């Protein structure tokens, strides 16, 4: 009898374009909110140069408006 595969919760990484679309803000605005005002969650580094945000982080920010430290 074959075992059913276990499903893990996958927290996908959203690109700057996707985050801007979900937040309904420009990429430039999101960058300013994060880099200068510290009013947006810190992105994670992907493959050295690209950045993104975990979908759960964006959803939590949308729900609470709080930035995780």
Protein backbone atom coordinates (compact mmCIF):
# COMPACT_ATOMS: atom_id res chain seq x y z
CA UNK A 1 0.00 0.00 0.00
CA UNK A 2 1.37 3.44 -0.97
CA UNK A 3 1.63 6.20 1.57
CA UNK A 4 -0.16 9.43 0.82
CA UNK A 5 2.31 12.27 0.39
CA UNK A 6 2.40 14.71 3.25
CA UNK A 7 1.53 18.22 2.27
CA UNK A 8 3.50 21.02 3.80
CA UNK A 9 2.36 24.58 4.05
CA UNK A 10 4.22 26.49 1.40
CA UNK A 11 4.82 30.16 2.09
CA UNK A 12 5.59 31.50 -1.35
CA UNK A 13 7.78 34.51 -1.92
CA UNK A 14 6.19 37.51 -3.60
CA UNK A 15 8.22 39.71 -5.90
CA UNK A 16 8.26 43.50 -5.61
CA UNK A 17 5.83 43.63 -8.57
CA UNK A 18 3.41 41.23 -6.87
CA UNK A 19 3.65 43.00 -3.51
CA UNK A 20 2.99 46.36 -5.19
CA UNK A 21 -0.05 44.92 -6.94
CA UNK A 22 -1.47 43.44 -3.73
CA UNK A 23 -0.75 46.60 -1.74
CA UNK A 24 -2.09 48.84 -4.54
CA UNK A 25 1.01 51.00 -4.31
CA UNK A 26 3.85 51.66 -6.71
CA UNK A 27 7.10 49.76 -6.41
CA UNK A 28 8.83 53.04 -5.62
CA UNK A 29 6.41 53.71 -2.75
CA UNK A 30 6.94 50.25 -1.25
CA UNK A 31 10.70 50.69 -1.51
CA UNK A 32 10.49 54.08 0.24
CA UNK A 33 8.23 52.71 2.97
CA UNK A 34 10.68 49.90 3.66
CA UNK A 35 14.08 51.57 3.16
CA UNK A 36 13.50 55.07 4.48
CA UNK A 37 10.46 55.04 6.73
CA UNK A 38 10.75 51.47 8.09
CA UNK A 39 6.95 51.27 7.78
CA UNK A 40 6.87 48.14 5.61
CA UNK A 41 8.23 44.65 6.35
CA UNK A 42 11.85 43.93 5.52
CA UNK A 43 12.24 41.85 2.35
CA UNK A 44 14.22 38.65 2.11
CA UNK A 45 17.16 38.27 -0.24
CA UNK A 46 16.75 35.79 -3.09
CA UNK A 47 19.77 34.51 -5.02
CA UNK A 48 22.03 37.33 -3.95
CA UNK A 49 20.38 40.34 -5.58
CA UNK A 50 16.64 39.89 -5.93
CA UNK A 51 14.30 40.67 -3.04
CA UNK A 52 10.87 39.45 -2.11
CA UNK A 53 8.46 39.09 0.77
CA UNK A 54 6.90 35.97 2.21
CA UNK A 55 3.21 35.95 1.40
CA UNK A 56 2.39 35.38 5.07
CA UNK A 57 4.35 38.52 6.01
CA UNK A 58 2.42 40.64 3.50
CA UNK A 59 -0.90 39.16 4.66
CA UNK A 60 -0.07 39.83 8.31
CA UNK A 61 0.93 43.40 7.45
CA UNK A 62 -2.38 43.90 5.59
CA UNK A 63 -4.32 42.51 8.56
CA UNK A 64 -2.53 44.36 11.36
CA UNK A 65 -0.50 47.13 9.75
CA UNK A 66 2.39 46.18 12.01
CA UNK A 67 5.96 45.73 10.84
CA UNK A 68 7.77 42.73 12.31
CA UNK A 69 11.17 43.52 13.74
